[in-house]
């Protein structure tokens, strides 16, 4: 059974699922009636200095794969229509470059939707699934507190001495994707 996390909550994935190697980070959302926007899921693979080891460790709709081959974005969903995950990012934890200490999972409103925000969404979530046995390990539902935000840090996968931990961050802001890039690049 999946663990449901709240903002600030964390789970040691290695202890919860000791054989975990390949994960799917699924992000989903539904638009409120009459809303129109494109959300973009991205991951920043961050080193000890809080920055990307190189620009290619920013995985998003224009760079679908990390240079070490460990993380792959499956492509952009521009509408959020349909059931289930709207965007997915696959990761092989064993192949992640040892320089990478955290994987920051973010979602942002695409620039061409001026005035749109997370307030136009309902039922937004991030979940982590064990790919090898198709088991959902955790789910973090984003609540309505980010109604004015145009970008949200959903969570972080943190590499520690005892394996990988997921922390539900839940930080919303209005800096957009470029603002996030400016912080971590």
N, C-alpha and C. Protein backbone atom coordinates (compact mmCIF):
# COMPACT_ATOMS: atom_id res chain seq x y z
N UNK A 1 0.84 -1.18 0.00
CA UNK A 1 0.00 0.00 0.00
C UNK A 1 0.88 1.24 0.00
N UNK A 2 0.52 2.21 -0.82
CA UNK A 2 1.29 3.45 -0.95
C UNK A 2 1.13 4.30 0.30
N UNK A 3 2.18 5.04 0.61
CA UNK A 3 2.15 5.99 1.70
C UNK A 3 1.72 7.33 1.14
N UNK A 4 0.78 7.98 1.81
CA UNK A 4 0.33 9.30 1.41
C UNK A 4 1.06 10.33 2.25
N UNK A 5 1.82 11.20 1.59
CA UNK A 5 2.62 12.19 2.31
C UNK A 5 1.94 13.55 2.32
N UNK A 6 2.23 14.31 3.34
CA UNK A 6 1.82 15.71 3.46
C UNK A 6 3.07 16.57 3.28
N UNK A 7 2.86 17.86 3.07
CA UNK A 7 3.97 18.79 2.92
C UNK A 7 4.95 18.63 4.08
N UNK A 8 6.25 18.50 3.74
CA UNK A 8 7.28 18.33 4.75
C UNK A 8 7.54 16.89 5.14
N UNK A 9 6.63 15.99 4.77
CA UNK A 9 6.80 14.58 5.10
C UNK A 9 7.88 13.93 4.25
N UNK A 10 8.45 12.85 4.77
CA UNK A 10 9.48 12.15 4.01
C UNK A 10 9.39 10.66 4.26
N UNK A 11 9.99 9.92 3.35
CA UNK A 11 10.05 8.47 3.46
C UNK A 11 11.38 7.99 2.89
N UNK A 12 12.03 7.09 3.60
CA UNK A 12 13.24 6.48 3.09
C UNK A 12 12.83 5.37 2.12
N UNK A 13 13.02 5.63 0.84
CA UNK A 13 12.60 4.67 -0.19
C UNK A 13 13.38 3.37 -0.10
N UNK A 14 14.65 3.46 0.26
CA UNK A 14 15.49 2.28 0.33
C UNK A 14 15.01 1.35 1.44
N UNK A 15 14.58 1.90 2.57
CA UNK A 15 14.05 1.07 3.66
C UNK A 15 12.67 0.54 3.34
N UNK A 16 11.83 1.37 2.68
CA UNK A 16 10.47 0.96 2.33
C UNK A 16 10.48 -0.15 1.28
N UNK A 17 11.39 -0.04 0.32
CA UNK A 17 11.48 -1.01 -0.77
C UNK A 17 12.96 -1.31 -1.03
N UNK A 18 13.57 -2.22 -0.25
CA UNK A 18 15.01 -2.47 -0.32
C UNK A 18 15.54 -2.87 -1.70
N UNK A 19 14.72 -3.47 -2.54
CA UNK A 19 15.18 -3.89 -3.87
C UNK A 19 14.90 -2.84 -4.94
N UNK A 20 14.42 -1.68 -4.54
CA UNK A 20 14.05 -0.63 -5.48
C UNK A 20 15.25 -0.17 -6.30
N UNK A 21 15.08 -0.20 -7.62
CA UNK A 21 16.14 0.25 -8.53
C UNK A 21 15.58 1.23 -9.56
N UNK A 22 14.48 0.86 -10.18
CA UNK A 22 13.89 1.68 -11.24
C UNK A 22 12.56 2.25 -10.75
N UNK A 23 12.45 3.58 -10.90
CA UNK A 23 11.22 4.23 -10.46
C UNK A 23 10.60 5.03 -11.60
N UNK A 24 9.31 5.26 -11.47
CA UNK A 24 8.59 6.16 -12.34
C UNK A 24 8.05 7.25 -11.44
N UNK A 25 8.38 8.50 -11.78
CA UNK A 25 7.83 9.65 -11.09
C UNK A 25 6.66 10.11 -11.95
N UNK A 26 5.46 9.91 -11.45
CA UNK A 26 4.27 10.27 -12.21
C UNK A 26 3.68 11.55 -11.66
N UNK A 27 3.36 12.47 -12.56
CA UNK A 27 2.72 13.72 -12.17
C UNK A 27 1.38 13.81 -12.88
N UNK A 28 0.36 14.16 -12.11
CA UNK A 28 -0.97 14.23 -12.69
C UNK A 28 -1.71 15.46 -12.22
N UNK A 29 -2.66 15.89 -13.03
CA UNK A 29 -3.49 17.03 -12.69
C UNK A 29 -4.71 17.02 -13.59
N UNK A 30 -5.73 17.70 -13.15
CA UNK A 30 -6.91 17.95 -13.95
C UNK A 30 -7.14 19.45 -13.97
N UNK A 31 -7.65 19.96 -15.07
CA UNK A 31 -7.96 21.39 -15.17
C UNK A 31 -9.36 21.64 -14.65
N UNK A 32 -9.54 22.76 -13.98
CA UNK A 32 -10.87 23.18 -13.58
C UNK A 32 -11.66 23.53 -14.85
N UNK A 33 -12.99 23.50 -14.79
CA UNK A 33 -13.78 23.84 -15.97
C UNK A 33 -13.38 25.21 -16.53
N UNK A 34 -13.29 25.30 -17.84
CA UNK A 34 -12.96 26.51 -18.59
C UNK A 34 -11.50 26.97 -18.41
N UNK A 35 -10.67 26.20 -17.75
CA UNK A 35 -9.26 26.55 -17.60
C UNK A 35 -8.47 25.98 -18.78
N UNK A 36 -7.39 26.66 -19.13
CA UNK A 36 -6.53 26.21 -20.21
C UNK A 36 -5.09 26.55 -19.85
N UNK A 37 -4.27 25.54 -19.72
CA UNK A 37 -2.85 25.77 -19.49
C UNK A 37 -2.06 24.52 -19.78
N UNK A 38 -0.78 24.71 -19.96
CA UNK A 38 0.16 23.62 -20.20
C UNK A 38 1.13 23.59 -19.02
N UNK A 39 1.19 22.47 -18.34
CA UNK A 39 2.15 22.30 -17.26
C UNK A 39 3.34 21.52 -17.78
N UNK A 40 4.50 21.82 -17.22
CA UNK A 40 5.73 21.14 -17.61
C UNK A 40 6.40 20.55 -16.39
N UNK A 41 6.61 19.23 -16.40
CA UNK A 41 7.34 18.55 -15.34
C UNK A 41 8.83 18.59 -15.69
N UNK A 42 9.64 18.83 -14.68
CA UNK A 42 11.08 18.91 -14.87
C UNK A 42 11.79 18.33 -13.66
N UNK A 43 13.01 17.87 -13.86
CA UNK A 43 13.85 17.48 -12.73
C UNK A 43 15.21 18.14 -12.86
N UNK A 44 15.72 18.59 -11.74
CA UNK A 44 17.05 19.16 -11.63
C UNK A 44 17.88 18.16 -10.84
N UNK A 45 18.91 17.63 -11.45
CA UNK A 45 19.80 16.67 -10.80
C UNK A 45 20.94 17.49 -10.18
N UNK A 46 20.92 17.64 -8.87
CA UNK A 46 21.74 18.62 -8.17
C UNK A 46 22.91 17.97 -7.44
N UNK A 47 24.05 18.62 -7.52
CA UNK A 47 25.25 18.17 -6.82
C UNK A 47 25.33 18.75 -5.42
N UNK A 48 26.43 18.44 -4.73
CA UNK A 48 26.62 18.91 -3.34
C UNK A 48 26.60 20.42 -3.21
N UNK A 49 26.96 21.14 -4.27
CA UNK A 49 27.00 22.60 -4.22
C UNK A 49 25.64 23.24 -4.47
N UNK A 50 24.58 22.42 -4.62
CA UNK A 50 23.24 22.95 -4.86
C UNK A 50 22.98 23.35 -6.30
N UNK A 51 23.89 22.96 -7.20
CA UNK A 51 23.77 23.32 -8.62
C UNK A 51 23.84 22.06 -9.48
N UNK A 52 23.43 22.19 -10.74
CA UNK A 52 23.56 21.11 -11.71
C UNK A 52 25.04 20.85 -11.99
N UNK A 53 25.48 19.58 -12.07
CA UNK A 53 26.86 19.32 -12.47
C UNK A 53 27.17 19.89 -13.86
N UNK A 54 26.19 19.87 -14.75
CA UNK A 54 26.25 20.52 -16.06
C UNK A 54 24.80 20.72 -16.51
N UNK A 55 24.60 21.58 -17.50
CA UNK A 55 23.24 21.92 -17.95
C UNK A 55 22.43 20.69 -18.36
N UNK A 56 23.11 19.66 -18.86
CA UNK A 56 22.41 18.46 -19.33
C UNK A 56 21.76 17.67 -18.20
N UNK A 57 22.05 18.00 -16.96
CA UNK A 57 21.41 17.34 -15.82
C UNK A 57 20.09 18.01 -15.44
N UNK A 58 19.64 18.94 -16.26
CA UNK A 58 18.30 19.51 -16.16
C UNK A 58 17.46 18.76 -17.20
N UNK A 59 16.55 17.89 -16.74
CA UNK A 59 15.76 17.04 -17.62
C UNK A 59 14.35 17.63 -17.70
N UNK A 60 13.93 17.98 -18.93
CA UNK A 60 12.63 18.60 -19.16
C UNK A 60 12.22 18.37 -20.61
N UNK A 61 11.16 19.04 -21.07
CA UNK A 61 10.62 18.76 -22.40
C UNK A 61 11.60 19.01 -23.55
N UNK A 62 12.65 19.80 -23.36
CA UNK A 62 13.65 20.03 -24.42
C UNK A 62 14.95 19.27 -24.20
N UNK A 63 15.05 18.54 -23.11
CA UNK A 63 16.22 17.69 -22.84
C UNK A 63 15.67 16.46 -22.11
N UNK A 64 15.27 15.47 -22.87
CA UNK A 64 14.52 14.34 -22.32
C UNK A 64 15.35 13.31 -21.56
N UNK A 65 16.69 13.40 -21.61
CA UNK A 65 17.50 12.37 -20.97
C UNK A 65 18.75 12.98 -20.34
N UNK A 66 19.08 12.51 -19.14
CA UNK A 66 20.30 12.97 -18.47
C UNK A 66 21.51 12.37 -19.18
N UNK A 67 22.68 13.02 -19.08
CA UNK A 67 23.87 12.52 -19.79
C UNK A 67 24.34 11.16 -19.31
N UNK A 68 24.02 10.79 -18.06
CA UNK A 68 24.42 9.47 -17.57
C UNK A 68 23.39 8.40 -17.94
N UNK A 69 22.29 8.81 -18.59
CA UNK A 69 21.25 7.87 -19.02
C UNK A 69 20.35 7.37 -17.91
N UNK A 70 20.49 7.90 -16.71
CA UNK A 70 19.74 7.39 -15.56
C UNK A 70 18.34 7.95 -15.44
N UNK A 71 18.09 9.12 -16.01
CA UNK A 71 16.79 9.78 -15.88
C UNK A 71 16.28 10.13 -17.27
N UNK A 72 15.00 9.80 -17.52
CA UNK A 72 14.41 10.08 -18.83
C UNK A 72 12.99 10.59 -18.66
N UNK A 73 12.72 11.73 -19.28
CA UNK A 73 11.38 12.32 -19.34
C UNK A 73 10.68 11.67 -20.52
N UNK A 74 9.43 11.24 -20.36
CA UNK A 74 8.75 10.53 -21.45
C UNK A 74 8.05 11.45 -22.43
N UNK A 75 8.06 12.76 -22.19
CA UNK A 75 7.47 13.69 -23.15
C UNK A 75 6.44 14.62 -22.52
N UNK A 76 6.15 15.68 -23.23
CA UNK A 76 5.29 16.76 -22.77
C UNK A 76 3.82 16.44 -23.02
N UNK A 77 2.99 16.60 -22.00
CA UNK A 77 1.54 16.54 -22.14
C UNK A 77 1.06 17.97 -22.02
N UNK A 78 0.44 18.48 -23.05
CA UNK A 78 0.08 19.90 -23.07
C UNK A 78 -1.31 20.21 -22.55
N UNK A 79 -2.11 19.19 -22.22
CA UNK A 79 -3.49 19.46 -21.80
C UNK A 79 -3.85 18.92 -20.44
N UNK A 80 -3.19 17.88 -19.97
CA UNK A 80 -3.57 17.24 -18.71
C UNK A 80 -4.82 16.38 -18.86
N UNK A 81 -5.30 16.21 -20.08
CA UNK A 81 -6.53 15.46 -20.31
C UNK A 81 -6.30 13.97 -20.08
N UNK A 82 -7.34 13.30 -19.63
CA UNK A 82 -7.31 11.86 -19.46
C UNK A 82 -6.99 11.44 -18.04
N UNK A 83 -7.18 10.18 -17.80
CA UNK A 83 -6.95 9.61 -16.47
C UNK A 83 -5.47 9.29 -16.27
N UNK A 84 -5.07 9.23 -15.02
CA UNK A 84 -3.73 8.79 -14.68
C UNK A 84 -2.68 9.87 -14.81
N UNK A 85 -1.44 9.42 -14.90
CA UNK A 85 -0.30 10.33 -14.94
C UNK A 85 -0.29 11.12 -16.25
N UNK A 86 -0.08 12.42 -16.13
CA UNK A 86 -0.03 13.27 -17.31
C UNK A 86 1.39 13.40 -17.86
N UNK A 87 2.37 13.41 -16.99
CA UNK A 87 3.76 13.38 -17.42
C UNK A 87 4.51 12.40 -16.52
N UNK A 88 5.47 11.72 -17.11
CA UNK A 88 6.23 10.71 -16.37
C UNK A 88 7.73 10.90 -16.58
N UNK A 89 8.45 10.64 -15.53
CA UNK A 89 9.91 10.68 -15.57
C UNK A 89 10.39 9.35 -15.00
N UNK A 90 11.22 8.67 -15.76
CA UNK A 90 11.76 7.37 -15.35
C UNK A 90 13.17 7.56 -14.82
N UNK A 91 13.50 6.83 -13.77
CA UNK A 91 14.86 6.93 -13.21
C UNK A 91 15.35 5.56 -12.79
N UNK A 92 16.61 5.28 -13.10
CA UNK A 92 17.28 4.09 -12.61
C UNK A 92 18.25 4.57 -11.53
N UNK A 93 17.87 4.35 -10.28
CA UNK A 93 18.62 4.89 -9.14
C UNK A 93 20.06 4.40 -9.11
N UNK A 94 20.31 3.18 -9.56
CA UNK A 94 21.66 2.63 -9.54
C UNK A 94 22.60 3.30 -10.55
N UNK A 95 22.04 3.94 -11.59
CA UNK A 95 22.86 4.53 -12.64
C UNK A 95 23.10 6.03 -12.47
N UNK A 96 22.48 6.64 -11.46
CA UNK A 96 22.61 8.08 -11.28
C UNK A 96 24.04 8.42 -10.91
N UNK A 97 24.59 9.37 -11.63
CA UNK A 97 25.95 9.85 -11.41
C UNK A 97 26.18 10.11 -9.92
N UNK A 98 27.27 9.59 -9.33
CA UNK A 98 27.54 9.79 -7.91
C UNK A 98 27.65 11.26 -7.51
N UNK A 99 27.93 12.15 -8.46
CA UNK A 99 27.98 13.58 -8.17
C UNK A 99 26.60 14.12 -7.78
N UNK A 100 25.54 13.47 -8.24
CA UNK A 100 24.17 13.93 -8.00
C UNK A 100 23.74 13.49 -6.61
N UNK A 101 23.40 14.47 -5.79
CA UNK A 101 22.99 14.20 -4.40
C UNK A 101 21.48 14.37 -4.20
N UNK A 102 20.83 15.13 -5.08
CA UNK A 102 19.39 15.35 -4.98
C UNK A 102 18.79 15.43 -6.37
N UNK A 103 17.55 14.99 -6.46
CA UNK A 103 16.78 15.17 -7.68
C UNK A 103 15.54 15.98 -7.29
N UNK A 104 15.50 17.20 -7.77
CA UNK A 104 14.42 18.13 -7.48
C UNK A 104 13.33 17.95 -8.53
N UNK A 105 12.11 17.67 -8.08
CA UNK A 105 10.98 17.44 -8.98
C UNK A 105 10.10 18.69 -8.97
N UNK A 106 9.96 19.32 -10.14
CA UNK A 106 9.20 20.56 -10.24
C UNK A 106 8.15 20.47 -11.35
N UNK A 107 7.15 21.31 -11.21
CA UNK A 107 6.15 21.48 -12.26
C UNK A 107 5.91 22.98 -12.40
N UNK A 108 5.85 23.44 -13.65
CA UNK A 108 5.65 24.87 -13.88
C UNK A 108 4.64 25.10 -15.00
N UNK A 109 3.95 26.24 -14.93
CA UNK A 109 3.03 26.65 -15.98
C UNK A 109 3.86 27.15 -17.15
N UNK A 110 3.57 26.64 -18.35
CA UNK A 110 4.32 27.06 -19.53
C UNK A 110 4.11 28.55 -19.77
N UNK A 111 5.15 29.23 -20.25
CA UNK A 111 5.15 30.68 -20.44
C UNK A 111 4.02 31.22 -21.30
N UNK A 112 3.53 30.44 -22.26
CA UNK A 112 2.53 30.98 -23.17
C UNK A 112 1.13 31.07 -22.56
N UNK A 113 0.99 30.73 -21.30
CA UNK A 113 -0.30 30.81 -20.61
C UNK A 113 -0.25 31.92 -19.56
N UNK A 114 -0.15 33.15 -20.02
CA UNK A 114 -0.06 34.31 -19.13
C UNK A 114 -1.33 34.39 -18.28
N UNK A 115 -1.15 34.58 -16.98
CA UNK A 115 -2.27 34.68 -16.05
C UNK A 115 -2.72 33.34 -15.48
N UNK A 116 -2.24 32.24 -16.05
CA UNK A 116 -2.61 30.92 -15.54
C UNK A 116 -1.78 30.61 -14.30
N UNK A 117 -2.33 29.78 -13.42
CA UNK A 117 -1.62 29.39 -12.20
C UNK A 117 -2.12 28.03 -11.74
N UNK A 118 -1.55 27.55 -10.65
CA UNK A 118 -1.99 26.28 -10.09
C UNK A 118 -3.41 26.36 -9.56
N UNK A 119 -3.95 27.57 -9.41
CA UNK A 119 -5.35 27.74 -9.04
C UNK A 119 -6.31 27.25 -10.11
N UNK A 120 -5.81 27.05 -11.33
CA UNK A 120 -6.63 26.53 -12.43
C UNK A 120 -6.69 25.01 -12.43
N UNK A 121 -6.04 24.39 -11.45
CA UNK A 121 -5.96 22.93 -11.40
C UNK A 121 -6.79 22.35 -10.26
N UNK A 122 -7.05 21.08 -10.39
CA UNK A 122 -7.59 20.30 -9.29
C UNK A 122 -6.94 18.92 -9.34
N UNK A 123 -6.87 18.28 -8.21
CA UNK A 123 -6.34 16.92 -8.12
C UNK A 123 -4.91 16.77 -8.65
N UNK A 124 -4.04 17.73 -8.33
CA UNK A 124 -2.63 17.63 -8.74
C UNK A 124 -1.88 16.74 -7.76
N UNK A 125 -0.99 15.90 -8.28
CA UNK A 125 -0.25 14.97 -7.42
C UNK A 125 1.09 14.60 -8.06
N UNK A 126 1.97 14.07 -7.23
CA UNK A 126 3.17 13.39 -7.70
C UNK A 126 3.17 12.03 -6.99
N UNK A 127 3.61 11.02 -7.69
CA UNK A 127 3.70 9.69 -7.08
C UNK A 127 4.97 9.02 -7.57
N UNK A 128 5.43 8.07 -6.78
CA UNK A 128 6.60 7.28 -7.15
C UNK A 128 6.17 5.82 -7.19
N UNK A 129 6.50 5.18 -8.31
CA UNK A 129 6.11 3.80 -8.56
C UNK A 129 7.36 2.96 -8.76
N UNK A 130 7.40 1.79 -8.14
CA UNK A 130 8.45 0.80 -8.40
C UNK A 130 8.14 0.18 -9.76
N UNK A 131 8.96 0.46 -10.76
CA UNK A 131 8.71 0.02 -12.13
C UNK A 131 8.71 -1.50 -12.25
N UNK A 132 9.59 -2.16 -11.52
CA UNK A 132 9.75 -3.60 -11.69
C UNK A 132 8.54 -4.41 -11.24
N UNK A 133 7.78 -3.90 -10.25
CA UNK A 133 6.59 -4.65 -9.84
C UNK A 133 5.31 -3.80 -9.94
N UNK A 134 5.42 -2.62 -10.58
CA UNK A 134 4.29 -1.72 -10.81
C UNK A 134 3.53 -1.40 -9.52
N UNK A 135 4.27 -1.17 -8.43
CA UNK A 135 3.66 -0.86 -7.14
C UNK A 135 3.89 0.61 -6.80
N UNK A 136 2.81 1.31 -6.49
CA UNK A 136 2.93 2.69 -6.05
C UNK A 136 3.49 2.70 -4.64
N UNK A 137 4.61 3.40 -4.45
CA UNK A 137 5.26 3.46 -3.14
C UNK A 137 4.75 4.64 -2.34
N UNK A 138 4.60 5.79 -3.01
CA UNK A 138 4.11 6.96 -2.29
C UNK A 138 3.35 7.86 -3.22
N UNK A 139 2.53 8.70 -2.61
CA UNK A 139 1.74 9.70 -3.33
C UNK A 139 1.72 10.96 -2.49
N UNK A 140 1.90 12.08 -3.17
CA UNK A 140 1.84 13.39 -2.52
C UNK A 140 0.83 14.22 -3.30
N UNK A 141 -0.30 14.50 -2.68
CA UNK A 141 -1.34 15.30 -3.31
C UNK A 141 -1.10 16.77 -3.00
N UNK A 142 -1.09 17.55 -4.05
CA UNK A 142 -0.88 18.99 -3.90
C UNK A 142 -2.22 19.63 -3.61
N UNK A 143 -2.31 20.35 -2.51
CA UNK A 143 -3.59 20.95 -2.16
C UNK A 143 -3.71 22.36 -2.72
N UNK A 144 -4.77 23.04 -2.36
CA UNK A 144 -5.12 24.33 -2.97
C UNK A 144 -4.28 25.51 -2.48
N UNK A 145 -3.32 25.31 -1.61
CA UNK A 145 -2.58 26.45 -1.06
C UNK A 145 -1.68 27.14 -2.08
N UNK A 146 -1.55 26.59 -3.27
CA UNK A 146 -0.67 27.16 -4.28
C UNK A 146 -1.45 27.82 -5.42
N UNK A 147 -2.62 28.36 -5.12
CA UNK A 147 -3.50 28.86 -6.17
C UNK A 147 -2.89 29.99 -7.00
N UNK A 148 -1.98 30.78 -6.45
CA UNK A 148 -1.35 31.86 -7.21
C UNK A 148 -0.02 31.46 -7.83
N UNK A 149 0.49 30.29 -7.51
CA UNK A 149 1.81 29.86 -7.96
C UNK A 149 1.82 29.51 -9.45
N UNK A 150 2.96 29.78 -10.09
CA UNK A 150 3.18 29.35 -11.48
C UNK A 150 4.23 28.25 -11.56
N UNK A 151 4.85 27.95 -10.43
CA UNK A 151 5.79 26.84 -10.37
C UNK A 151 5.75 26.27 -8.95
N UNK A 152 5.88 24.95 -8.87
CA UNK A 152 5.86 24.28 -7.57
C UNK A 152 6.96 23.24 -7.53
N UNK A 153 7.74 23.28 -6.46
CA UNK A 153 8.67 22.21 -6.17
C UNK A 153 7.87 21.14 -5.43
N UNK A 154 7.56 20.05 -6.12
CA UNK A 154 6.78 18.98 -5.51
C UNK A 154 7.57 18.27 -4.43
N UNK A 155 8.78 17.89 -4.76
CA UNK A 155 9.56 17.12 -3.80
C UNK A 155 10.99 16.92 -4.26
N UNK A 156 11.73 16.23 -3.39
CA UNK A 156 13.14 15.95 -3.67
C UNK A 156 13.44 14.50 -3.34
N UNK A 157 14.19 13.87 -4.23
CA UNK A 157 14.81 12.58 -3.93
C UNK A 157 16.20 12.91 -3.43
N UNK A 158 16.52 12.49 -2.23
CA UNK A 158 17.79 12.86 -1.60
C UNK A 158 18.62 11.60 -1.37
N UNK A 159 19.85 11.61 -1.87
CA UNK A 159 20.76 10.48 -1.70
C UNK A 159 21.49 10.66 -0.37
N UNK A 160 21.39 9.66 0.50
CA UNK A 160 22.08 9.69 1.78
C UNK A 160 22.88 8.43 1.99
N UNK A 161 23.52 8.32 3.12
CA UNK A 161 24.32 7.14 3.41
C UNK A 161 23.44 5.89 3.53
N UNK A 162 22.16 6.10 3.85
CA UNK A 162 21.25 4.95 3.97
C UNK A 162 20.31 4.83 2.79
N UNK A 163 20.72 5.34 1.62
CA UNK A 163 19.93 5.19 0.40
C UNK A 163 19.19 6.46 0.01
N UNK A 164 18.11 6.28 -0.74
CA UNK A 164 17.34 7.40 -1.27
C UNK A 164 16.11 7.67 -0.40
N UNK A 165 15.88 8.95 -0.13
CA UNK A 165 14.72 9.40 0.63
C UNK A 165 13.94 10.38 -0.24
N UNK A 166 12.62 10.32 -0.17
CA UNK A 166 11.78 11.32 -0.84
C UNK A 166 11.25 12.27 0.21
N UNK A 167 11.36 13.57 -0.05
CA UNK A 167 10.81 14.59 0.84
C UNK A 167 9.79 15.41 0.06
N UNK A 168 8.57 15.49 0.59
CA UNK A 168 7.51 16.27 -0.02
C UNK A 168 7.73 17.74 0.32
N UNK A 169 8.19 18.53 -0.65
CA UNK A 169 8.55 19.92 -0.40
C UNK A 169 7.33 20.83 -0.38
N UNK A 170 6.64 20.90 -1.51
CA UNK A 170 5.47 21.75 -1.60
C UNK A 170 5.76 23.23 -1.51
N UNK A 171 6.76 23.71 -2.26
CA UNK A 171 7.06 25.15 -2.29
C UNK A 171 6.50 25.72 -3.58
N UNK A 172 5.60 26.67 -3.48
CA UNK A 172 5.06 27.33 -4.65
C UNK A 172 5.62 28.73 -4.79
N UNK A 173 5.76 29.20 -6.04
CA UNK A 173 6.30 30.53 -6.28
C UNK A 173 5.76 31.03 -7.62
N UNK A 174 6.21 32.20 -8.02
CA UNK A 174 5.79 32.80 -9.29
C UNK A 174 6.98 33.11 -10.20
N UNK A 175 8.07 32.38 -10.03
CA UNK A 175 9.26 32.67 -10.85
C UNK A 175 9.27 31.91 -12.17
N UNK A 176 8.46 30.89 -12.31
CA UNK A 176 8.40 30.13 -13.56
C UNK A 176 9.60 29.24 -13.76
N UNK A 177 9.59 28.53 -14.88
CA UNK A 177 10.66 27.57 -15.16
C UNK A 177 12.02 28.27 -15.29
N UNK A 178 12.06 29.40 -15.97
CA UNK A 178 13.33 30.09 -16.12
C UNK A 178 13.87 30.54 -14.76
N UNK A 179 13.00 30.94 -13.85
CA UNK A 179 13.44 31.32 -12.51
C UNK A 179 14.06 30.15 -11.77
N UNK A 180 13.51 28.96 -11.96
CA UNK A 180 14.10 27.76 -11.35
C UNK A 180 15.46 27.45 -11.97
N UNK A 181 15.55 27.55 -13.30
CA UNK A 181 16.83 27.32 -13.98
C UNK A 181 17.88 28.29 -13.46
N UNK A 182 17.49 29.54 -13.27
CA UNK A 182 18.44 30.54 -12.77
C UNK A 182 19.00 30.18 -11.40
N UNK A 183 18.21 29.50 -10.59
CA UNK A 183 18.67 29.10 -9.24
C UNK A 183 19.64 27.93 -9.31
N UNK A 184 19.33 26.92 -10.13
CA UNK A 184 20.08 25.66 -10.07
C UNK A 184 21.14 25.47 -11.15
N UNK A 185 21.14 26.29 -12.18
CA UNK A 185 22.13 26.12 -13.27
C UNK A 185 23.45 26.76 -12.92
